[in-house]
């Protein structure tokens, strides 16, 4: 097992994962929509 949480913003083939920042945009996600973020948009 990996010993830390994944932090990838791309899939292995280089495809960018959609970064969804705002609350409204995340709420608008569909079940099939690829999305990622980090907690409260704080880089740390």
ModelCIF file with pLDDT and N, C-alpha, C, O atoms, coordinates in Angstrom:
data_MODEL
#
_entry.id   MODEL 
#
_entity.id                         1 
_entity.type                       polymer 
_entity.pdbx_number_of_molecules   1 
#
_entity_poly.entity_id                      1 
_entity_poly.type                           'polypeptide(L)' 
_entity_poly.nstd_linkage                   no 
_entity_poly.nstd_monomer                   no 
_entity_poly.pdbx_seq_one_letter_code       
;(UNK)(UNK)(UNK)(UNK)(UNK)(UNK)(UNK)(UNK)(UNK)(UNK)(UNK)(UNK)(UNK)(UNK)(UNK)(UNK)
(UNK)(UNK)(UNK)(UNK)(UNK)(UNK)(UNK)(UNK)(UNK)(UNK)(UNK)(UNK)(UNK)(UNK)(UNK)(UNK)
(UNK)(UNK)(UNK)(UNK)(UNK)(UNK)(UNK)(UNK)(UNK)(UNK)(UNK)(UNK)
;
_entity_poly.pdbx_seq_one_letter_code_can   XXXXXXXXXXXXXXXXXXXXXXXXXXXXXXXXXXXXXXXXXXXX 
_entity_poly.pdbx_strand_id                 A 
#
loop_
_entity_poly_seq.entity_id 
_entity_poly_seq.num 
_entity_poly_seq.mon_id 
_entity_poly_seq.hetero 
1 1  UNK n 
1 2  UNK n 
1 3  UNK n 
1 4  UNK n 
1 5  UNK n 
1 6  UNK n 
1 7  UNK n 
1 8  UNK n 
1 9  UNK n 
1 10 UNK n 
1 11 UNK n 
1 12 UNK n 
1 13 UNK n 
1 14 UNK n 
1 15 UNK n 
1 16 UNK n 
1 17 UNK n 
1 18 UNK n 
1 19 UNK n 
1 20 UNK n 
1 21 UNK n 
1 22 UNK n 
1 23 UNK n 
1 24 UNK n 
1 25 UNK n 
1 26 UNK n 
1 27 UNK n 
1 28 UNK n 
1 29 UNK n 
1 30 UNK n 
1 31 UNK n 
1 32 UNK n 
1 33 UNK n 
1 34 UNK n 
1 35 UNK n 
1 36 UNK n 
1 37 UNK n 
1 38 UNK n 
1 39 UNK n 
1 40 UNK n 
1 41 UNK n 
1 42 UNK n 
1 43 UNK n 
1 44 UNK n 
#
_struct_asym.id          A 
_struct_asym.entity_id   1 
#
loop_
_ma_qa_metric.id 
_ma_qa_metric.mode 
_ma_qa_metric.name 
_ma_qa_metric.software_group_id 
_ma_qa_metric.type 
1 global pLDDT . pLDDT 
2 local  pLDDT . pLDDT 
#
_ma_qa_metric_global.metric_id      1 
_ma_qa_metric_global.metric_value   96.41 
_ma_qa_metric_global.model_id       1 
_ma_qa_metric_global.ordinal_id     1 
#
loop_
_ma_qa_metric_local.label_asym_id 
_ma_qa_metric_local.label_comp_id 
_ma_qa_metric_local.label_seq_id 
_ma_qa_metric_local.metric_id 
_ma_qa_metric_local.metric_value 
_ma_qa_metric_local.model_id 
_ma_qa_metric_local.ordinal_id 
A UNK 1  2 98.00 1 1  
A UNK 2  2 97.00 1 2  
A UNK 3  2 96.00 1 3  
A UNK 4  2 96.00 1 4  
A UNK 5  2 98.00 1 5  
A UNK 6  2 98.00 1 6  
A UNK 7  2 98.00 1 7  
A UNK 8  2 97.00 1 8  
A UNK 9  2 96.00 1 9  
A UNK 10 2 97.00 1 10 
A UNK 11 2 98.00 1 11 
A UNK 12 2 97.00 1 12 
A UNK 13 2 97.00 1 13 
A UNK 14 2 97.00 1 14 
A UNK 15 2 97.00 1 15 
A UNK 16 2 97.00 1 16 
A UNK 17 2 98.00 1 17 
A UNK 18 2 97.00 1 18 
A UNK 19 2 97.00 1 19 
A UNK 20 2 97.00 1 20 
A UNK 21 2 95.00 1 21 
A UNK 22 2 96.00 1 22 
A UNK 23 2 97.00 1 23 
A UNK 24 2 96.00 1 24 
A UNK 25 2 96.00 1 25 
A UNK 26 2 97.00 1 26 
A UNK 27 2 96.00 1 27 
A UNK 28 2 95.00 1 28 
A UNK 29 2 93.00 1 29 
A UNK 30 2 94.00 1 30 
A UNK 31 2 95.00 1 31 
A UNK 32 2 95.00 1 32 
A UNK 33 2 96.00 1 33 
A UNK 34 2 97.00 1 34 
A UNK 35 2 98.00 1 35 
A UNK 36 2 98.00 1 36 
A UNK 37 2 98.00 1 37 
A UNK 38 2 96.00 1 38 
A UNK 39 2 97.00 1 39 
A UNK 40 2 96.00 1 40 
A UNK 41 2 93.00 1 41 
A UNK 42 2 95.00 1 42 
A UNK 43 2 94.00 1 43 
A UNK 44 2 96.00 1 44 
#
loop_
_atom_site.group_PDB 
_atom_site.id 
_atom_site.type_symbol 
_atom_site.label_atom_id 
_atom_site.label_alt_id 
_atom_site.label_comp_id 
_atom_site.label_asym_id 
_atom_site.label_entity_id 
_atom_site.label_seq_id 
_atom_site.pdbx_PDB_ins_code 
_atom_site.Cartn_x 
_atom_site.Cartn_y 
_atom_site.Cartn_z 
_atom_site.occupancy 
_atom_site.B_iso_or_equiv 
_atom_site.pdbx_formal_charge 
_atom_site.auth_seq_id 
_atom_site.auth_comp_id 
_atom_site.auth_asym_id 
_atom_site.auth_atom_id 
_atom_site.pdbx_PDB_model_num 
ATOM 1   N N  . UNK A 1 1  ? 0.834   -1.194 0.000   1.00 98.00 ? 1  UNK A N  1 
ATOM 2   C CA . UNK A 1 1  ? 0.000   0.000  0.000   1.00 98.00 ? 1  UNK A CA 1 
ATOM 3   C C  . UNK A 1 1  ? 0.874   1.251  0.000   1.00 98.00 ? 1  UNK A C  1 
ATOM 4   O O  . UNK A 1 1  ? 1.962   1.257  0.575   1.00 98.00 ? 1  UNK A O  1 
ATOM 5   N N  . UNK A 1 2  ? 0.387   2.311  -0.650  1.00 97.00 ? 2  UNK A N  1 
ATOM 6   C CA . UNK A 1 2  ? 1.045   3.603  -0.533  1.00 97.00 ? 2  UNK A CA 1 
ATOM 7   C C  . UNK A 1 2  ? 0.976   4.080  0.914   1.00 97.00 ? 2  UNK A C  1 
ATOM 8   O O  . UNK A 1 2  ? 0.014   3.794  1.626   1.00 97.00 ? 2  UNK A O  1 
ATOM 9   N N  . UNK A 1 3  ? 2.006   4.809  1.341   1.00 96.00 ? 3  UNK A N  1 
ATOM 10  C CA . UNK A 1 3  ? 2.063   5.285  2.718   1.00 96.00 ? 3  UNK A CA 1 
ATOM 11  C C  . UNK A 1 3  ? 1.638   6.742  2.858   1.00 96.00 ? 3  UNK A C  1 
ATOM 12  O O  . UNK A 1 3  ? 1.728   7.307  3.948   1.00 96.00 ? 3  UNK A O  1 
ATOM 13  N N  . UNK A 1 4  ? 1.179   7.355  1.781   1.00 96.00 ? 4  UNK A N  1 
ATOM 14  C CA . UNK A 1 4  ? 0.584   8.683  1.898   1.00 96.00 ? 4  UNK A CA 1 
ATOM 15  C C  . UNK A 1 4  ? -0.510  8.843  0.852   1.00 96.00 ? 4  UNK A C  1 
ATOM 16  O O  . UNK A 1 4  ? -0.588  8.076  -0.108  1.00 96.00 ? 4  UNK A O  1 
ATOM 17  N N  . UNK A 1 5  ? -1.345  9.842  1.051   1.00 98.00 ? 5  UNK A N  1 
ATOM 18  C CA . UNK A 1 5  ? -2.487  10.054 0.176   1.00 98.00 ? 5  UNK A CA 1 
ATOM 19  C C  . UNK A 1 5  ? -2.043  10.570 -1.192  1.00 98.00 ? 5  UNK A C  1 
ATOM 20  O O  . UNK A 1 5  ? -1.084  11.334 -1.303  1.00 98.00 ? 5  UNK A O  1 
ATOM 21  N N  . UNK A 1 6  ? -2.749  10.143 -2.214  1.00 98.00 ? 6  UNK A N  1 
ATOM 22  C CA . UNK A 1 6  ? -2.431  10.545 -3.579  1.00 98.00 ? 6  UNK A CA 1 
ATOM 23  C C  . UNK A 1 6  ? -2.624  12.050 -3.744  1.00 98.00 ? 6  UNK A C  1 
ATOM 24  O O  . UNK A 1 6  ? -3.558  12.634 -3.193  1.00 98.00 ? 6  UNK A O  1 
ATOM 25  N N  . UNK A 1 7  ? -1.723  12.668 -4.513  1.00 98.00 ? 7  UNK A N  1 
ATOM 26  C CA . UNK A 1 7  ? -1.789  14.113 -4.756  1.00 98.00 ? 7  UNK A CA 1 
ATOM 27  C C  . UNK A 1 7  ? -1.686  14.426 -6.241  1.00 98.00 ? 7  UNK A C  1 
ATOM 28  O O  . UNK A 1 7  ? -1.236  15.509 -6.613  1.00 98.00 ? 7  UNK A O  1 
ATOM 29  N N  . UNK A 1 8  ? -2.094  13.499 -7.090  1.00 97.00 ? 8  UNK A N  1 
ATOM 30  C CA . UNK A 1 8  ? -1.936  13.645 -8.538  1.00 97.00 ? 8  UNK A CA 1 
ATOM 31  C C  . UNK A 1 8  ? -3.014  14.553 -9.120  1.00 97.00 ? 8  UNK A C  1 
ATOM 32  O O  . UNK A 1 8  ? -4.194  14.437 -8.788  1.00 97.00 ? 8  UNK A O  1 
ATOM 33  N N  . UNK A 1 9  ? -2.584  15.457 -9.992  1.00 96.00 ? 9  UNK A N  1 
ATOM 34  C CA . UNK A 1 9  ? -3.528  16.286 -10.732 1.00 96.00 ? 9  UNK A CA 1 
ATOM 35  C C  . UNK A 1 9  ? -3.707  15.823 -12.159 1.00 96.00 ? 9  UNK A C  1 
ATOM 36  O O  . UNK A 1 9  ? -4.407  16.459 -12.948 1.00 96.00 ? 9  UNK A O  1 
ATOM 37  N N  . UNK A 1 10 ? -3.060  14.691 -12.493 1.00 97.00 ? 10 UNK A N  1 
ATOM 38  C CA . UNK A 1 10 ? -3.164  14.102 -13.832 1.00 97.00 ? 10 UNK A CA 1 
ATOM 39  C C  . UNK A 1 10 ? -3.334  12.597 -13.694 1.00 97.00 ? 10 UNK A C  1 
ATOM 40  O O  . UNK A 1 10 ? -2.922  11.998 -12.701 1.00 97.00 ? 10 UNK A O  1 
ATOM 41  N N  . UNK A 1 11 ? -3.935  12.011 -14.684 1.00 98.00 ? 11 UNK A N  1 
ATOM 42  C CA . UNK A 1 11 ? -3.944  10.553 -14.792 1.00 98.00 ? 11 UNK A CA 1 
ATOM 43  C C  . UNK A 1 11 ? -2.600  10.099 -15.347 1.00 98.00 ? 11 UNK A C  1 
ATOM 44  O O  . UNK A 1 11 ? -1.796  10.915 -15.800 1.00 98.00 ? 11 UNK A O  1 
ATOM 45  N N  . UNK A 1 12 ? -2.366  8.804  -15.308 1.00 97.00 ? 12 UNK A N  1 
ATOM 46  C CA . UNK A 1 12 ? -1.064  8.268  -15.700 1.00 97.00 ? 12 UNK A CA 1 
ATOM 47  C C  . UNK A 1 12 ? -0.713  8.575  -17.148 1.00 97.00 ? 12 UNK A C  1 
ATOM 48  O O  . UNK A 1 12 ? 0.466   8.639  -17.497 1.00 97.00 ? 12 UNK A O  1 
ATOM 49  N N  . UNK A 1 13 ? -1.726  8.767  -18.000 1.00 97.00 ? 13 UNK A N  1 
ATOM 50  C CA . UNK A 1 13 ? -1.463  9.078  -19.416 1.00 97.00 ? 13 UNK A CA 1 
ATOM 51  C C  . UNK A 1 13 ? -1.254  10.565 -19.660 1.00 97.00 ? 13 UNK A C  1 
ATOM 52  O O  . UNK A 1 13 ? -1.099  10.980 -20.809 1.00 97.00 ? 13 UNK A O  1 
ATOM 53  N N  . UNK A 1 14 ? -1.246  11.376 -18.606 1.00 97.00 ? 14 UNK A N  1 
ATOM 54  C CA . UNK A 1 14 ? -1.025  12.811 -18.732 1.00 97.00 ? 14 UNK A CA 1 
ATOM 55  C C  . UNK A 1 14 ? -2.291  13.631 -18.818 1.00 97.00 ? 14 UNK A C  1 
ATOM 56  O O  . UNK A 1 14 ? -2.224  14.860 -18.797 1.00 97.00 ? 14 UNK A O  1 
ATOM 57  N N  . UNK A 1 15 ? -3.451  12.989 -18.915 1.00 97.00 ? 15 UNK A N  1 
ATOM 58  C CA . UNK A 1 15 ? -4.709  13.722 -18.995 1.00 97.00 ? 15 UNK A CA 1 
ATOM 59  C C  . UNK A 1 15 ? -4.943  14.491 -17.698 1.00 97.00 ? 15 UNK A C  1 
ATOM 60  O O  . UNK A 1 15 ? -4.808  13.938 -16.607 1.00 97.00 ? 15 UNK A O  1 
ATOM 61  N N  . UNK A 1 16 ? -5.292  15.763 -17.823 1.00 97.00 ? 16 UNK A N  1 
ATOM 62  C CA . UNK A 1 16 ? -5.538  16.601 -16.659 1.00 97.00 ? 16 UNK A CA 1 
ATOM 63  C C  . UNK A 1 16 ? -6.876  16.254 -16.013 1.00 97.00 ? 16 UNK A C  1 
ATOM 64  O O  . UNK A 1 16 ? -7.885  16.106 -16.703 1.00 97.00 ? 16 UNK A O  1 
ATOM 65  N N  . UNK A 1 17 ? -6.882  16.128 -14.698 1.00 98.00 ? 17 UNK A N  1 
ATOM 66  C CA . UNK A 1 17 ? -8.126  15.916 -13.964 1.00 98.00 ? 17 UNK A CA 1 
ATOM 67  C C  . UNK A 1 17 ? -8.761  17.281 -13.727 1.00 98.00 ? 17 UNK A C  1 
ATOM 68  O O  . UNK A 1 17 ? -8.067  18.193 -13.277 1.00 98.00 ? 17 UNK A O  1 
ATOM 69  N N  . UNK A 1 18 ? -10.037 17.460 -14.007 1.00 97.00 ? 18 UNK A N  1 
ATOM 70  C CA . UNK A 1 18 ? -10.674 18.758 -13.788 1.00 97.00 ? 18 UNK A CA 1 
ATOM 71  C C  . UNK A 1 18 ? -10.562 19.200 -12.329 1.00 97.00 ? 18 UNK A C  1 
ATOM 72  O O  . UNK A 1 18 ? -10.983 18.488 -11.418 1.00 97.00 ? 18 UNK A O  1 
ATOM 73  N N  . UNK A 1 19 ? -9.986  20.388 -12.124 1.00 97.00 ? 19 UNK A N  1 
ATOM 74  C CA . UNK A 1 19 ? -9.873  20.951 -10.782 1.00 97.00 ? 19 UNK A CA 1 
ATOM 75  C C  . UNK A 1 19 ? -11.111 21.789 -10.516 1.00 97.00 ? 19 UNK A C  1 
ATOM 76  O O  . UNK A 1 19 ? -11.360 22.770 -11.216 1.00 97.00 ? 19 UNK A O  1 
ATOM 77  N N  . UNK A 1 20 ? -11.888 21.411 -9.510  1.00 97.00 ? 20 UNK A N  1 
ATOM 78  C CA . UNK A 1 20 ? -13.144 22.091 -9.200  1.00 97.00 ? 20 UNK A CA 1 
ATOM 79  C C  . UNK A 1 20 ? -12.972 22.814 -7.867  1.00 97.00 ? 20 UNK A C  1 
ATOM 80  O O  . UNK A 1 20 ? -12.851 22.187 -6.814  1.00 97.00 ? 20 UNK A O  1 
ATOM 81  N N  . UNK A 1 21 ? -12.963 24.130 -7.933  1.00 95.00 ? 21 UNK A N  1 
ATOM 82  C CA . UNK A 1 21 ? -12.588 24.929 -6.772  1.00 95.00 ? 21 UNK A CA 1 
ATOM 83  C C  . UNK A 1 21 ? -13.772 25.407 -5.948  1.00 95.00 ? 21 UNK A C  1 
ATOM 84  O O  . UNK A 1 21 ? -13.801 25.198 -4.735  1.00 95.00 ? 21 UNK A O  1 
ATOM 85  N N  . UNK A 1 22 ? -14.747 26.041 -6.579  1.00 96.00 ? 22 UNK A N  1 
ATOM 86  C CA . UNK A 1 22 ? -15.798 26.698 -5.803  1.00 96.00 ? 22 UNK A CA 1 
ATOM 87  C C  . UNK A 1 22 ? -16.846 25.713 -5.293  1.00 96.00 ? 22 UNK A C  1 
ATOM 88  O O  . UNK A 1 22 ? -17.027 24.628 -5.847  1.00 96.00 ? 22 UNK A O  1 
ATOM 89  N N  . UNK A 1 23 ? -17.520 26.112 -4.239  1.00 97.00 ? 23 UNK A N  1 
ATOM 90  C CA . UNK A 1 23 ? -18.589 25.295 -3.663  1.00 97.00 ? 23 UNK A CA 1 
ATOM 91  C C  . UNK A 1 23 ? -19.700 25.058 -4.678  1.00 97.00 ? 23 UNK A C  1 
ATOM 92  O O  . UNK A 1 23 ? -20.209 23.946 -4.813  1.00 97.00 ? 23 UNK A O  1 
ATOM 93  N N  . UNK A 1 24 ? -20.063 26.106 -5.379  1.00 96.00 ? 24 UNK A N  1 
ATOM 94  C CA . UNK A 1 24 ? -21.161 25.994 -6.344  1.00 96.00 ? 24 UNK A CA 1 
ATOM 95  C C  . UNK A 1 24 ? -20.805 25.024 -7.468  1.00 96.00 ? 24 UNK A C  1 
ATOM 96  O O  . UNK A 1 24 ? -21.635 24.207 -7.867  1.00 96.00 ? 24 UNK A O  1 
ATOM 97  N N  . UNK A 1 25 ? -19.583 25.108 -7.977  1.00 96.00 ? 25 UNK A N  1 
ATOM 98  C CA . UNK A 1 25 ? -19.183 24.225 -9.073  1.00 96.00 ? 25 UNK A CA 1 
ATOM 99  C C  . UNK A 1 25 ? -19.141 22.771 -8.610  1.00 96.00 ? 25 UNK A C  1 
ATOM 100 O O  . UNK A 1 25 ? -19.543 21.865 -9.341  1.00 96.00 ? 25 UNK A O  1 
ATOM 101 N N  . UNK A 1 26 ? -18.642 22.556 -7.369  1.00 97.00 ? 26 UNK A N  1 
ATOM 102 C CA . UNK A 1 26 ? -18.618 21.167 -6.870  1.00 97.00 ? 26 UNK A CA 1 
ATOM 103 C C  . UNK A 1 26 ? -20.036 20.648 -6.680  1.00 97.00 ? 26 UNK A C  1 
ATOM 104 O O  . UNK A 1 26 ? -20.314 19.487 -6.980  1.00 97.00 ? 26 UNK A O  1 
ATOM 105 N N  . UNK A 1 27 ? -20.922 21.480 -6.192  1.00 96.00 ? 27 UNK A N  1 
ATOM 106 C CA . UNK A 1 27 ? -22.314 21.089 -6.000  1.00 96.00 ? 27 UNK A CA 1 
ATOM 107 C C  . UNK A 1 27 ? -22.978 20.726 -7.332  1.00 96.00 ? 27 UNK A C  1 
ATOM 108 O O  . UNK A 1 27 ? -23.902 19.913 -7.374  1.00 96.00 ? 27 UNK A O  1 
ATOM 109 N N  . UNK A 1 28 ? -22.499 21.334 -8.409  1.00 95.00 ? 28 UNK A N  1 
ATOM 110 C CA . UNK A 1 28 ? -23.056 21.073 -9.741  1.00 95.00 ? 28 UNK A CA 1 
ATOM 111 C C  . UNK A 1 28 ? -22.495 19.813 -10.391 1.00 95.00 ? 28 UNK A C  1 
ATOM 112 O O  . UNK A 1 28 ? -22.933 19.424 -11.474 1.00 95.00 ? 28 UNK A O  1 
ATOM 113 N N  . UNK A 1 29 ? -21.526 19.172 -9.732  1.00 93.00 ? 29 UNK A N  1 
ATOM 114 C CA . UNK A 1 29 ? -20.973 17.930 -10.281 1.00 93.00 ? 29 UNK A CA 1 
ATOM 115 C C  . UNK A 1 29 ? -22.076 16.898 -10.509 1.00 93.00 ? 29 UNK A C  1 
ATOM 116 O O  . UNK A 1 29 ? -23.071 16.864 -9.785  1.00 93.00 ? 29 UNK A O  1 
ATOM 117 N N  . UNK A 1 30 ? -21.887 16.081 -11.498 1.00 94.00 ? 30 UNK A N  1 
ATOM 118 C CA . UNK A 1 30 ? -22.749 14.918 -11.691 1.00 94.00 ? 30 UNK A CA 1 
ATOM 119 C C  . UNK A 1 30 ? -22.028 13.682 -11.178 1.00 94.00 ? 30 UNK A C  1 
ATOM 120 O O  . UNK A 1 30 ? -20.832 13.730 -10.890 1.00 94.00 ? 30 UNK A O  1 
ATOM 121 N N  . UNK A 1 31 ? -22.744 12.587 -11.064 1.00 95.00 ? 31 UNK A N  1 
ATOM 122 C CA . UNK A 1 31 ? -22.156 11.346 -10.559 1.00 95.00 ? 31 UNK A CA 1 
ATOM 123 C C  . UNK A 1 31 ? -20.996 10.891 -11.441 1.00 95.00 ? 31 UNK A C  1 
ATOM 124 O O  . UNK A 1 31 ? -20.055 10.262 -10.957 1.00 95.00 ? 31 UNK A O  1 
ATOM 125 N N  . UNK A 1 32 ? -21.062 11.201 -12.705 1.00 95.00 ? 32 UNK A N  1 
ATOM 126 C CA . UNK A 1 32 ? -20.048 10.716 -13.649 1.00 95.00 ? 32 UNK A CA 1 
ATOM 127 C C  . UNK A 1 32 ? -18.960 11.744 -13.944 1.00 95.00 ? 32 UNK A C  1 
ATOM 128 O O  . UNK A 1 32 ? -18.072 11.483 -14.756 1.00 95.00 ? 32 UNK A O  1 
ATOM 129 N N  . UNK A 1 33 ? -19.015 12.910 -13.297 1.00 96.00 ? 33 UNK A N  1 
ATOM 130 C CA . UNK A 1 33 ? -18.049 13.967 -13.603 1.00 96.00 ? 33 UNK A CA 1 
ATOM 131 C C  . UNK A 1 33 ? -16.755 13.764 -12.818 1.00 96.00 ? 33 UNK A C  1 
ATOM 132 O O  . UNK A 1 33 ? -16.773 13.655 -11.592 1.00 96.00 ? 33 UNK A O  1 
ATOM 133 N N  . UNK A 1 34 ? -15.647 13.715 -13.530 1.00 97.00 ? 34 UNK A N  1 
ATOM 134 C CA . UNK A 1 34 ? -14.340 13.626 -12.888 1.00 97.00 ? 34 UNK A CA 1 
ATOM 135 C C  . UNK A 1 34 ? -14.013 14.975 -12.252 1.00 97.00 ? 34 UNK A C  1 
ATOM 136 O O  . UNK A 1 34 ? -14.204 16.020 -12.874 1.00 97.00 ? 34 UNK A O  1 
ATOM 137 N N  . UNK A 1 35 ? -13.525 14.954 -11.029 1.00 98.00 ? 35 UNK A N  1 
ATOM 138 C CA . UNK A 1 35 ? -13.200 16.196 -10.326 1.00 98.00 ? 35 UNK A CA 1 
ATOM 139 C C  . UNK A 1 35 ? -12.224 15.918 -9.194  1.00 98.00 ? 35 UNK A C  1 
ATOM 140 O O  . UNK A 1 35 ? -12.189 14.824 -8.631  1.00 98.00 ? 35 UNK A O  1 
ATOM 141 N N  . UNK A 1 36 ? -11.433 16.936 -8.876  1.00 98.00 ? 36 UNK A N  1 
ATOM 142 C CA . UNK A 1 36 ? -10.578 16.842 -7.690  1.00 98.00 ? 36 UNK A CA 1 
ATOM 143 C C  . UNK A 1 36 ? -10.341 18.241 -7.153  1.00 98.00 ? 36 UNK A C  1 
ATOM 144 O O  . UNK A 1 36 ? -10.610 19.238 -7.823  1.00 98.00 ? 36 UNK A O  1 
ATOM 145 N N  . UNK A 1 37 ? -9.829  18.292 -5.923  1.00 98.00 ? 37 UNK A N  1 
ATOM 146 C CA . UNK A 1 37 ? -9.509  19.557 -5.260  1.00 98.00 ? 37 UNK A CA 1 
ATOM 147 C C  . UNK A 1 37 ? -8.548  19.235 -4.129  1.00 98.00 ? 37 UNK A C  1 
ATOM 148 O O  . UNK A 1 37 ? -8.143  18.085 -3.956  1.00 98.00 ? 37 UNK A O  1 
ATOM 149 N N  . UNK A 1 38 ? -8.187  20.250 -3.364  1.00 96.00 ? 38 UNK A N  1 
ATOM 150 C CA . UNK A 1 38 ? -7.547  19.979 -2.075  1.00 96.00 ? 38 UNK A CA 1 
ATOM 151 C C  . UNK A 1 38 ? -8.238  20.831 -1.028  1.00 96.00 ? 38 UNK A C  1 
ATOM 152 O O  . UNK A 1 38 ? -8.884  21.830 -1.345  1.00 96.00 ? 38 UNK A O  1 
ATOM 153 N N  . UNK A 1 39 ? -8.093  20.427 0.209   1.00 97.00 ? 39 UNK A N  1 
ATOM 154 C CA . UNK A 1 39 ? -8.932  20.938 1.296   1.00 97.00 ? 39 UNK A CA 1 
ATOM 155 C C  . UNK A 1 39 ? -8.858  22.457 1.381   1.00 97.00 ? 39 UNK A C  1 
ATOM 156 O O  . UNK A 1 39 ? -7.794  23.036 1.601   1.00 97.00 ? 39 UNK A O  1 
ATOM 157 N N  . UNK A 1 40 ? -10.020 23.089 1.202   1.00 96.00 ? 40 UNK A N  1 
ATOM 158 C CA . UNK A 1 40 ? -10.199 24.540 1.302   1.00 96.00 ? 40 UNK A CA 1 
ATOM 159 C C  . UNK A 1 40 ? -9.239  25.314 0.399   1.00 96.00 ? 40 UNK A C  1 
ATOM 160 O O  . UNK A 1 40 ? -8.944  26.482 0.653   1.00 96.00 ? 40 UNK A O  1 
ATOM 161 N N  . UNK A 1 41 ? -8.755  24.655 -0.659  1.00 93.00 ? 41 UNK A N  1 
ATOM 162 C CA . UNK A 1 41 ? -7.888  25.301 -1.651  1.00 93.00 ? 41 UNK A CA 1 
ATOM 163 C C  . UNK A 1 41 ? -6.580  25.828 -1.054  1.00 93.00 ? 41 UNK A C  1 
ATOM 164 O O  . UNK A 1 41 ? -5.961  26.735 -1.611  1.00 93.00 ? 41 UNK A O  1 
ATOM 165 N N  . UNK A 1 42 ? -6.165  25.258 0.078   1.00 95.00 ? 42 UNK A N  1 
ATOM 166 C CA . UNK A 1 42 ? -4.912  25.643 0.734   1.00 95.00 ? 42 UNK A CA 1 
ATOM 167 C C  . UNK A 1 42 ? -3.818  24.681 0.285   1.00 95.00 ? 42 UNK A C  1 
ATOM 168 O O  . UNK A 1 42 ? -3.895  23.477 0.530   1.00 95.00 ? 42 UNK A O  1 
ATOM 169 N N  . UNK A 1 43 ? -2.796  25.228 -0.378  1.00 94.00 ? 43 UNK A N  1 
ATOM 170 C CA . UNK A 1 43 ? -1.747  24.384 -0.949  1.00 94.00 ? 43 UNK A CA 1 
ATOM 171 C C  . UNK A 1 43 ? -1.053  23.533 0.116   1.00 94.00 ? 43 UNK A C  1 
ATOM 172 O O  . UNK A 1 43 ? -0.689  22.387 -0.148  1.00 94.00 ? 43 UNK A O  1 
ATOM 173 N N  . UNK A 1 44 ? -0.870  24.087 1.314   1.00 96.00 ? 44 UNK A N  1 
ATOM 174 C CA . UNK A 1 44 ? -0.229  23.328 2.393   1.00 96.00 ? 44 UNK A CA 1 
ATOM 175 C C  . UNK A 1 44 ? -1.022  22.076 2.731   1.00 96.00 ? 44 UNK A C  1 
ATOM 176 O O  . UNK A 1 44 ? -0.630  21.317 3.617   1.00 96.00 ? 44 UNK A O  1 
#
